[in-house]
Amino acid sequence: MSQENVEIVRQAFAAYASGGPEALADFWHPEIDVEVPLGLAETGTYRGREAVLAWMAEWSEAWERIEYTPEEIVGNGGTVVVTVLYDGIGKGSGLKIVDRFWWLLRLGDGKIVYIHLYGNPNEALEAAGLRE
């Protein structure tokens, strides 16, 4: 199950790279929950496909260009942690940013049902049961 979920997540990132947020949304459960903690981009909890797409659109507005590259994907049962490299240029400011975030994803029935963003790899891996 773990490797199957890792592959689903890998396919989701590939779909996003070629087709944008709508292509990524095909991998989500209709009642997906996304949690973005305080201190990270556009803090809040977003529930359901439309709310998550609106959050992604709002975040994208701040960037002239932004790319998300999955660097490492590891799984533990129905939970997957992805190290995501963000590489972008701010709209208006021209500020270049290169940073990493860790996405914890939970899957069920082949769909992503939950995403939590972390700014620290240890927290993400611990939450996934991949580190003690």
N, C-alpha and C. Protein backbone atom coordinates (compact mmCIF):
# COMPACT_ATOMS: atom_id res chain seq x y z
N MET A 1 0.82 -1.20 0.00
CA MET A 1 0.00 0.00 0.00
C MET A 1 0.86 1.26 0.00
N SER A 2 1.92 1.25 0.79
CA SER A 2 2.78 2.42 0.90
C SER A 2 3.40 2.81 -0.44
N GLN A 3 3.95 1.83 -1.16
CA GLN A 3 4.58 2.12 -2.46
C GLN A 3 3.54 2.58 -3.47
N GLU A 4 2.34 2.01 -3.42
CA GLU A 4 1.25 2.42 -4.31
C GLU A 4 0.89 3.89 -4.05
N ASN A 5 0.82 4.29 -2.79
CA ASN A 5 0.51 5.68 -2.46
C ASN A 5 1.64 6.62 -2.88
N VAL A 6 2.88 6.19 -2.72
CA VAL A 6 4.01 6.99 -3.19
C VAL A 6 3.88 7.23 -4.68
N GLU A 7 3.51 6.21 -5.43
CA GLU A 7 3.36 6.34 -6.88
C GLU A 7 2.21 7.29 -7.24
N ILE A 8 1.12 7.22 -6.51
CA ILE A 8 -0.01 8.15 -6.75
C ILE A 8 0.44 9.58 -6.55
N VAL A 9 1.19 9.84 -5.49
CA VAL A 9 1.68 11.19 -5.20
C VAL A 9 2.65 11.64 -6.29
N ARG A 10 3.53 10.74 -6.72
CA ARG A 10 4.46 11.05 -7.81
C ARG A 10 3.68 11.45 -9.08
N GLN A 11 2.64 10.70 -9.39
CA GLN A 11 1.80 11.00 -10.56
C GLN A 11 1.07 12.34 -10.39
N ALA A 12 0.64 12.64 -9.17
CA ALA A 12 -0.05 13.91 -8.91
C ALA A 12 0.87 15.09 -9.18
N PHE A 13 2.12 15.01 -8.73
CA PHE A 13 3.07 16.10 -8.98
C PHE A 13 3.38 16.23 -10.47
N ALA A 14 3.48 15.11 -11.17
CA ALA A 14 3.72 15.16 -12.61
C ALA A 14 2.52 15.79 -13.33
N ALA A 15 1.32 15.46 -12.88
CA ALA A 15 0.11 16.05 -13.48
C ALA A 15 0.09 17.56 -13.26
N TYR A 16 0.46 17.99 -12.05
CA TYR A 16 0.49 19.42 -11.75
C TYR A 16 1.51 20.13 -12.64
N ALA A 17 2.68 19.53 -12.81
CA ALA A 17 3.73 20.16 -13.62
C ALA A 17 3.29 20.36 -15.06
N SER A 18 2.48 19.45 -15.57
CA SER A 18 2.07 19.56 -16.97
C SER A 18 0.70 20.20 -17.16
N GLY A 19 -0.16 20.14 -16.12
CA GLY A 19 -1.53 20.62 -16.30
C GLY A 19 -2.04 21.59 -15.27
N GLY A 20 -1.23 21.95 -14.28
CA GLY A 20 -1.64 22.93 -13.29
C GLY A 20 -2.56 22.37 -12.22
N PRO A 21 -3.13 23.28 -11.41
CA PRO A 21 -3.94 22.87 -10.27
C PRO A 21 -5.13 21.98 -10.61
N GLU A 22 -5.81 22.23 -11.70
CA GLU A 22 -6.97 21.41 -12.07
C GLU A 22 -6.56 19.96 -12.29
N ALA A 23 -5.40 19.75 -12.90
CA ALA A 23 -4.90 18.38 -13.12
C ALA A 23 -4.56 17.73 -11.78
N LEU A 24 -4.00 18.49 -10.87
CA LEU A 24 -3.68 17.98 -9.54
C LEU A 24 -4.96 17.61 -8.79
N ALA A 25 -5.99 18.41 -8.95
CA ALA A 25 -7.25 18.19 -8.24
C ALA A 25 -7.89 16.85 -8.61
N ASP A 26 -7.55 16.30 -9.75
CA ASP A 26 -8.07 14.98 -10.13
C ASP A 26 -7.61 13.89 -9.17
N PHE A 27 -6.55 14.16 -8.41
CA PHE A 27 -6.00 13.18 -7.46
C PHE A 27 -6.57 13.36 -6.05
N TRP A 28 -7.40 14.38 -5.85
CA TRP A 28 -7.94 14.68 -4.53
C TRP A 28 -9.28 14.00 -4.30
N HIS A 29 -9.52 13.65 -3.06
CA HIS A 29 -10.85 13.26 -2.62
C HIS A 29 -11.69 14.55 -2.64
N PRO A 30 -12.98 14.47 -2.97
CA PRO A 30 -13.81 15.69 -3.02
C PRO A 30 -13.83 16.49 -1.72
N GLU A 31 -13.65 15.82 -0.58
CA GLU A 31 -13.67 16.50 0.72
C GLU A 31 -12.26 16.69 1.29
N ILE A 32 -11.29 16.91 0.43
CA ILE A 32 -9.89 17.09 0.86
C ILE A 32 -9.78 18.21 1.89
N ASP A 33 -8.89 18.01 2.85
CA ASP A 33 -8.54 19.04 3.83
C ASP A 33 -7.06 19.38 3.65
N VAL A 34 -6.77 20.69 3.63
CA VAL A 34 -5.38 21.16 3.57
C VAL A 34 -5.17 22.08 4.76
N GLU A 35 -4.11 21.80 5.53
CA GLU A 35 -3.76 22.63 6.67
C GLU A 35 -2.41 23.28 6.42
N VAL A 36 -2.39 24.61 6.55
CA VAL A 36 -1.16 25.38 6.41
C VAL A 36 -0.96 26.10 7.73
N PRO A 37 0.05 25.69 8.52
CA PRO A 37 0.23 26.27 9.86
C PRO A 37 0.74 27.70 9.82
N LEU A 38 0.58 28.36 10.94
CA LEU A 38 1.07 29.72 11.13
C LEU A 38 2.54 29.82 10.75
N GLY A 39 2.89 30.86 10.03
CA GLY A 39 4.28 31.06 9.64
C GLY A 39 4.59 30.55 8.24
N LEU A 40 3.69 29.79 7.66
CA LEU A 40 3.88 29.34 6.28
C LEU A 40 2.91 30.10 5.38
N ALA A 41 2.99 29.84 4.11
CA ALA A 41 2.23 30.57 3.10
C ALA A 41 0.72 30.46 3.27
N GLU A 42 0.03 31.60 3.27
CA GLU A 42 -1.43 31.62 3.30
C GLU A 42 -1.99 30.68 4.36
N THR A 43 -1.63 30.95 5.61
CA THR A 43 -2.03 30.15 6.76
C THR A 43 -3.54 29.92 6.78
N GLY A 44 -3.93 28.70 7.13
CA GLY A 44 -5.34 28.39 7.28
C GLY A 44 -5.64 26.94 7.02
N THR A 45 -6.92 26.60 7.15
CA THR A 45 -7.41 25.27 6.82
C THR A 45 -8.39 25.43 5.67
N TYR A 46 -8.20 24.62 4.66
CA TYR A 46 -9.01 24.70 3.44
C TYR A 46 -9.68 23.36 3.24
N ARG A 47 -11.01 23.38 3.11
CA ARG A 47 -11.78 22.13 3.02
C ARG A 47 -12.55 22.08 1.70
N GLY A 48 -12.37 20.97 1.01
CA GLY A 48 -13.09 20.75 -0.23
C GLY A 48 -12.30 21.24 -1.43
N ARG A 49 -12.59 20.63 -2.57
CA ARG A 49 -11.87 20.89 -3.81
C ARG A 49 -11.83 22.37 -4.18
N GLU A 50 -12.98 23.04 -4.14
CA GLU A 50 -13.05 24.44 -4.57
C GLU A 50 -12.25 25.35 -3.64
N ALA A 51 -12.33 25.10 -2.34
CA ALA A 51 -11.58 25.93 -1.38
C ALA A 51 -10.07 25.75 -1.57
N VAL A 52 -9.64 24.52 -1.82
CA VAL A 52 -8.21 24.28 -2.01
C VAL A 52 -7.74 24.90 -3.32
N LEU A 53 -8.54 24.79 -4.37
CA LEU A 53 -8.17 25.43 -5.64
C LEU A 53 -8.10 26.96 -5.49
N ALA A 54 -9.02 27.53 -4.72
CA ALA A 54 -8.99 28.99 -4.49
C ALA A 54 -7.74 29.39 -3.72
N TRP A 55 -7.36 28.58 -2.72
CA TRP A 55 -6.14 28.84 -1.96
C TRP A 55 -4.93 28.80 -2.88
N MET A 56 -4.86 27.80 -3.75
CA MET A 56 -3.73 27.68 -4.68
C MET A 56 -3.69 28.88 -5.64
N ALA A 57 -4.84 29.33 -6.11
CA ALA A 57 -4.90 30.47 -7.02
C ALA A 57 -4.43 31.74 -6.32
N GLU A 58 -4.86 31.92 -5.07
CA GLU A 58 -4.44 33.11 -4.31
C GLU A 58 -2.93 33.10 -4.08
N TRP A 59 -2.38 31.96 -3.72
CA TRP A 59 -0.94 31.83 -3.50
C TRP A 59 -0.19 32.12 -4.79
N SER A 60 -0.68 31.59 -5.90
CA SER A 60 -0.02 31.76 -7.20
C SER A 60 0.02 33.20 -7.67
N GLU A 61 -0.95 33.99 -7.23
CA GLU A 61 -1.03 35.40 -7.63
C GLU A 61 0.20 36.19 -7.20
N ALA A 62 0.87 35.75 -6.14
CA ALA A 62 2.03 36.47 -5.62
C ALA A 62 3.30 36.23 -6.44
N TRP A 63 3.23 35.33 -7.43
CA TRP A 63 4.44 34.90 -8.12
C TRP A 63 4.39 35.17 -9.62
N GLU A 64 5.49 35.69 -10.11
CA GLU A 64 5.67 35.80 -11.56
C GLU A 64 5.84 34.41 -12.13
N ARG A 65 6.61 33.61 -11.38
CA ARG A 65 6.85 32.21 -11.75
C ARG A 65 7.08 31.43 -10.47
N ILE A 66 6.46 30.25 -10.37
CA ILE A 66 6.69 29.38 -9.21
C ILE A 66 6.65 27.93 -9.68
N GLU A 67 7.63 27.17 -9.25
CA GLU A 67 7.69 25.75 -9.58
C GLU A 67 7.81 24.95 -8.29
N TYR A 68 7.19 23.78 -8.30
CA TYR A 68 7.23 22.87 -7.16
C TYR A 68 7.83 21.56 -7.65
N THR A 69 8.99 21.21 -7.11
CA THR A 69 9.66 19.99 -7.54
C THR A 69 9.74 19.02 -6.37
N PRO A 70 9.13 17.84 -6.52
CA PRO A 70 9.25 16.84 -5.45
C PRO A 70 10.65 16.24 -5.48
N GLU A 71 11.38 16.38 -4.40
CA GLU A 71 12.75 15.88 -4.35
C GLU A 71 12.83 14.47 -3.76
N GLU A 72 12.04 14.22 -2.75
CA GLU A 72 12.03 12.90 -2.11
C GLU A 72 10.61 12.59 -1.68
N ILE A 73 10.18 11.36 -1.90
CA ILE A 73 8.85 10.92 -1.52
C ILE A 73 9.00 9.62 -0.75
N VAL A 74 8.52 9.61 0.49
CA VAL A 74 8.58 8.41 1.32
C VAL A 74 7.20 8.12 1.89
N GLY A 75 6.89 6.84 2.04
CA GLY A 75 5.58 6.46 2.51
C GLY A 75 5.60 5.57 3.73
N ASN A 76 4.49 5.60 4.45
CA ASN A 76 4.27 4.76 5.61
C ASN A 76 2.78 4.42 5.63
N GLY A 77 2.42 3.31 5.00
CA GLY A 77 1.01 2.95 4.92
C GLY A 77 0.25 3.95 4.07
N GLY A 78 -0.78 4.56 4.66
CA GLY A 78 -1.59 5.53 3.94
C GLY A 78 -1.08 6.95 4.00
N THR A 79 0.12 7.13 4.56
CA THR A 79 0.70 8.47 4.71
C THR A 79 1.96 8.59 3.88
N VAL A 80 2.12 9.73 3.23
CA VAL A 80 3.28 9.99 2.38
C VAL A 80 3.84 11.35 2.76
N VAL A 81 5.18 11.46 2.82
CA VAL A 81 5.84 12.75 3.05
C VAL A 81 6.66 13.08 1.80
N VAL A 82 6.47 14.30 1.31
CA VAL A 82 7.18 14.76 0.12
C VAL A 82 8.02 15.98 0.49
N THR A 83 9.31 15.92 0.15
CA THR A 83 10.16 17.10 0.24
C THR A 83 9.95 17.87 -1.05
N VAL A 84 9.44 19.10 -0.93
CA VAL A 84 9.09 19.89 -2.11
C VAL A 84 10.00 21.12 -2.19
N LEU A 85 10.71 21.24 -3.30
CA LEU A 85 11.53 22.41 -3.57
C LEU A 85 10.66 23.46 -4.26
N TYR A 86 10.59 24.63 -3.65
CA TYR A 86 9.88 25.76 -4.22
C TYR A 86 10.93 26.64 -4.88
N ASP A 87 10.70 27.02 -6.12
CA ASP A 87 11.62 27.88 -6.85
C ASP A 87 10.77 28.90 -7.60
N GLY A 88 10.86 30.16 -7.18
CA GLY A 88 9.98 31.15 -7.79
C GLY A 88 10.57 32.54 -7.80
N ILE A 89 9.86 33.40 -8.53
CA ILE A 89 10.20 34.82 -8.61
C ILE A 89 8.94 35.60 -8.26
N GLY A 90 9.06 36.47 -7.26
CA GLY A 90 7.92 37.24 -6.80
C GLY A 90 7.42 38.23 -7.83
N LYS A 91 6.11 38.33 -7.93
CA LYS A 91 5.48 39.27 -8.85
C LYS A 91 5.70 40.68 -8.31
N GLY A 92 6.12 41.57 -9.15
CA GLY A 92 6.35 42.95 -8.73
C GLY A 92 7.73 43.16 -8.11
N SER A 93 8.09 42.35 -7.14
CA SER A 93 9.36 42.53 -6.44
C SER A 93 10.54 41.94 -7.22
N GLY A 94 10.27 40.90 -8.00
CA GLY A 94 11.35 40.22 -8.70
C GLY A 94 12.23 39.40 -7.78
N LEU A 95 11.83 39.30 -6.50
CA LEU A 95 12.60 38.55 -5.52
C LEU A 95 12.58 37.07 -5.85
N LYS A 96 13.77 36.46 -5.89
CA LYS A 96 13.87 35.03 -6.17
C LYS A 96 13.87 34.28 -4.84
N ILE A 97 13.07 33.23 -4.80
CA ILE A 97 13.02 32.39 -3.60
C ILE A 97 13.27 30.95 -3.99
N VAL A 98 14.10 30.31 -3.22
CA VAL A 98 14.32 28.88 -3.32
C VAL A 98 14.25 28.36 -1.90
N ASP A 99 13.30 27.48 -1.66
CA ASP A 99 13.09 26.99 -0.29
C ASP A 99 12.49 25.59 -0.37
N ARG A 100 12.43 24.93 0.77
CA ARG A 100 11.83 23.61 0.85
C ARG A 100 10.74 23.61 1.92
N PHE A 101 9.69 22.86 1.59
CA PHE A 101 8.64 22.56 2.53
C PHE A 101 8.42 21.06 2.49
N TRP A 102 7.81 20.54 3.54
CA TRP A 102 7.53 19.12 3.59
C TRP A 102 6.02 18.96 3.68
N TRP A 103 5.49 18.21 2.72
CA TRP A 103 4.06 17.97 2.64
C TRP A 103 3.78 16.59 3.20
N LEU A 104 2.92 16.50 4.19
CA LEU A 104 2.42 15.23 4.66
C LEU A 104 1.07 15.03 4.00
N LEU A 105 0.93 13.93 3.31
CA LEU A 105 -0.33 13.61 2.62
C LEU A 105 -0.88 12.30 3.16
N ARG A 106 -2.19 12.27 3.36
CA ARG A 106 -2.86 11.01 3.72
C ARG A 106 -3.75 10.64 2.55
N LEU A 107 -3.72 9.37 2.21
CA LEU A 107 -4.49 8.87 1.08
C LEU A 107 -5.48 7.82 1.54
N GLY A 108 -6.58 7.75 0.81
CA GLY A 108 -7.60 6.73 1.04
C GLY A 108 -8.28 6.42 -0.27
N ASP A 109 -8.43 5.15 -0.56
CA ASP A 109 -9.07 4.71 -1.81
C ASP A 109 -8.43 5.35 -3.03
N GLY A 110 -7.10 5.50 -3.00
CA GLY A 110 -6.37 6.00 -4.16
C GLY A 110 -6.46 7.51 -4.37
N LYS A 111 -7.02 8.24 -3.39
CA LYS A 111 -7.15 9.70 -3.50
C LYS A 111 -6.47 10.38 -2.31
N ILE A 112 -5.99 11.59 -2.53
CA ILE A 112 -5.40 12.39 -1.45
C ILE A 112 -6.55 13.02 -0.66
N VAL A 113 -6.61 12.70 0.63
CA VAL A 113 -7.71 13.19 1.46
C VAL A 113 -7.27 14.31 2.42
N TYR A 114 -5.94 14.42 2.65
CA TYR A 114 -5.45 15.38 3.63
C TYR A 114 -4.03 15.78 3.27
N ILE A 115 -3.74 17.08 3.40
CA ILE A 115 -2.38 17.60 3.20
C ILE A 115 -2.09 18.55 4.35
N HIS A 116 -0.91 18.40 4.93
CA HIS A 116 -0.44 19.32 5.96
C HIS A 116 0.96 19.77 5.55
N LEU A 117 1.19 21.07 5.48
CA LEU A 117 2.50 21.59 5.12
C LEU A 117 3.33 21.82 6.38
N TYR A 118 4.61 21.48 6.28
CA TYR A 118 5.56 21.67 7.37
C TYR A 118 6.76 22.45 6.86
N GLY A 119 7.34 23.27 7.73
CA GLY A 119 8.57 23.97 7.41
C GLY A 119 9.80 23.24 7.91
N ASN A 120 9.57 22.10 8.58
CA ASN A 120 10.65 21.34 9.20
C ASN A 120 10.49 19.86 8.86
N PRO A 121 11.53 19.23 8.31
CA PRO A 121 11.40 17.83 7.91
C PRO A 121 11.14 16.88 9.07
N ASN A 122 11.77 17.14 10.21
CA ASN A 122 11.60 16.25 11.36
C ASN A 122 10.15 16.20 11.83
N GLU A 123 9.48 17.35 11.85
CA GLU A 123 8.08 17.38 12.25
C GLU A 123 7.21 16.58 11.30
N ALA A 124 7.44 16.72 10.01
CA ALA A 124 6.65 16.00 9.01
C ALA A 124 6.88 14.49 9.13
N LEU A 125 8.13 14.08 9.25
CA LEU A 125 8.44 12.66 9.33
C LEU A 125 7.90 12.05 10.62
N GLU A 126 7.98 12.80 11.72
CA GLU A 126 7.43 12.31 12.98
C GLU A 126 5.92 12.16 12.90
N ALA A 127 5.24 13.14 12.31
CA ALA A 127 3.78 13.07 12.16
C ALA A 127 3.36 11.89 11.30
N ALA A 128 4.23 11.48 10.37
CA ALA A 128 3.93 10.35 9.49
C ALA A 128 4.33 9.02 10.10
N GLY A 129 4.95 9.04 11.28
CA GLY A 129 5.40 7.80 11.89
C GLY A 129 6.67 7.26 11.26
N LEU A 130 7.42 8.12 10.60
CA LEU A 130 8.66 7.72 9.94
C LEU A 130 9.90 8.07 10.75
N ARG A 131 9.71 8.69 11.91
CA ARG A 131 10.83 9.06 12.77
C ARG A 131 10.32 9.07 14.21
N GLU A 132 11.13 8.58 15.08
CA GLU A 132 10.72 8.52 16.50
C GLU A 132 11.32 9.66 17.28
